[in-house]
Amino acid sequence: MAAVTKDMTIFEVIQKDGDVVPVFFGFGMHCLGCPISRGETIEQAAAAHGVAVEDMLAELNDYFDGK
């Protein structure tokens, strides 16, 4: 599966596999159904939540690598 990148939207990542949602929850992102998540990139979401984008990408890609 292709790697998750900082330029992908939250929506794109969830579309790949809806079971990835707990990874986002672990970073305090509980509003994944809000309209902003459809257009907000991983990088933008990380910045808005005070999370290092590299940490988030590592966990998201670890999740998908385990599939």
C-alpha atoms as a PDB file:
ATOM      1  CA  MET A   1       0.000   0.000   0.000  1.00  0.00           C
ATOM      2  CA  ALA A   2       1.284   3.472  -0.827  1.00  0.00           C
ATOM      3  CA  ALA A   3       2.699   5.468   2.057  1.00  0.00           C
ATOM      4  CA  VAL A   4       0.690   8.125   3.831  1.00  0.00           C
ATOM      5  CA  THR A   5       2.206  11.536   3.139  1.00  0.00           C
ATOM      6  CA  LYS A   6       1.796  14.915   4.807  1.00  0.00           C
ATOM      7  CA  ASP A   7       0.010  16.214   1.697  1.00  0.00           C
ATOM      8  CA  MET A   8      -2.788  13.630   1.850  1.00  0.00           C
ATOM      9  CA  THR A   9      -6.079  14.674   3.415  1.00  0.00           C
ATOM     10  CA  ILE A  10      -7.471  12.997   6.502  1.00  0.00           C
ATOM     11  CA  PHE A  11     -10.394  11.883   4.348  1.00  0.00           C
ATOM     12  CA  GLU A  12      -8.067  10.178   1.839  1.00  0.00           C
ATOM     13  CA  VAL A  13      -6.355   8.242   4.599  1.00  0.00           C
ATOM     14  CA  ILE A  14      -9.638   7.103   6.144  1.00  0.00           C
ATOM     15  CA  GLN A  15     -10.899   6.083   2.700  1.00  0.00           C
ATOM     16  CA  LYS A  16      -7.907   3.721   2.413  1.00  0.00           C
ATOM     17  CA  ASP A  17      -9.011   1.912   5.584  1.00  0.00           C
ATOM     18  CA  GLY A  18     -11.639   3.132   8.027  1.00  0.00           C
ATOM     19  CA  ASP A  19     -10.050   1.088  10.801  1.00  0.00           C
ATOM     20  CA  VAL A  20      -7.215   3.653  10.929  1.00  0.00           C
ATOM     21  CA  VAL A  21      -9.441   6.071  12.872  1.00  0.00           C
ATOM     22  CA  PRO A  22      -8.038   5.091  16.323  1.00  0.00           C
ATOM     23  CA  VAL A  23      -4.605   6.292  15.183  1.00  0.00           C
ATOM     24  CA  PHE A  24      -6.082   9.759  14.651  1.00  0.00           C
ATOM     25  CA  PHE A  25      -7.918   9.551  17.986  1.00  0.00           C
ATOM     26  CA  GLY A  26      -4.582   8.809  19.657  1.00  0.00           C
ATOM     27  CA  PHE A  27      -3.386  12.217  18.492  1.00  0.00           C
ATOM     28  CA  GLY A  28      -6.474  13.956  19.877  1.00  0.00           C
ATOM     29  CA  MET A  29      -8.265  14.214  16.548  1.00  0.00           C
ATOM     30  CA  HIS A  30     -11.826  13.325  17.477  1.00  0.00           C
ATOM     31  CA  CYS A  31     -13.719  15.355  14.882  1.00  0.00           C
ATOM     32  CA  LEU A  32     -12.957  13.212  11.841  1.00  0.00           C
ATOM     33  CA  GLY A  33     -16.492  13.526  10.552  1.00  0.00           C
ATOM     34  CA  CYS A  34     -16.369  17.301  10.379  1.00  0.00           C
ATOM     35  CA  PRO A  35     -16.328  18.927   6.945  1.00  0.00           C
ATOM     36  CA  ILE A  36     -12.790  20.267   7.434  1.00  0.00           C
ATOM     37  CA  SER A  37     -11.380  16.721   7.570  1.00  0.00           C
ATOM     38  CA  ARG A  38     -12.281  16.248   3.911  1.00  0.00           C
ATOM     39  CA  GLY A  39      -9.903  18.982   2.805  1.00  0.00           C
ATOM     40  CA  GLU A  40      -7.417  19.267   5.666  1.00  0.00           C
ATOM     41  CA  THR A  41      -4.051  17.667   5.012  1.00  0.00           C
ATOM     42  CA  ILE A  42      -2.235  15.529   7.543  1.00  0.00           C
ATOM     43  CA  GLU A  43       0.312  18.338   7.888  1.00  0.00           C
ATOM     44  CA  GLN A  44      -2.381  20.945   8.569  1.00  0.00           C
ATOM     45  CA  ALA A  45      -4.156  18.698  11.066  1.00  0.00           C
ATOM     46  CA  ALA A  46      -0.931  17.965  12.919  1.00  0.00           C
ATOM     47  CA  ALA A  47      -0.154  21.681  13.154  1.00  0.00           C
ATOM     48  CA  ALA A  48      -3.665  22.510  14.360  1.00  0.00           C
ATOM     49  CA  HIS A  49      -3.409  19.883  17.105  1.00  0.00           C
ATOM     50  CA  GLY A  50       0.166  20.670  18.125  1.00  0.00           C
ATOM     51  CA  VAL A  51       1.456  17.294  16.954  1.00  0.00           C
ATOM     52  CA  ALA A  52       4.733  16.636  15.152  1.00  0.00           C
ATOM     53  CA  VAL A  53       3.728  15.633  11.633  1.00  0.00           C
ATOM     54  CA  GLU A  54       6.625  13.164  11.484  1.00  0.00           C
ATOM     55  CA  ASP A  55       5.260  11.318  14.542  1.00  0.00           C
ATOM     56  CA  MET A  56       1.788  11.135  13.056  1.00  0.00           C
ATOM     57  CA  LEU A  57       3.072   9.939   9.697  1.00  0.00           C
ATOM     58  CA  ALA A  58       5.181   7.279  11.405  1.00  0.00           C
ATOM     59  CA  GLU A  59       2.177   5.881  13.281  1.00  0.00           C
ATOM     60  CA  LEU A  60      -0.105   6.035  10.249  1.00  0.00           C
ATOM     61  CA  ASN A  61       2.446   4.293   8.060  1.00  0.00           C
ATOM     62  CA  ASP A  62       3.157   1.687  10.764  1.00  0.00           C
ATOM     63  CA  TYR A  63      -0.581   0.970  10.812  1.00  0.00           C
ATOM     64  CA  PHE A  64      -0.720   0.459   7.042  1.00  0.00           C
ATOM     65  CA  ASP A  65       2.542  -1.498   6.967  1.00  0.00           C
ATOM     66  CA  GLY A  66       0.940  -3.929   9.396  1.00  0.00           C
ATOM     67  CA  LYS A  67      -1.930  -4.633   6.999  1.00  0.00           C
END
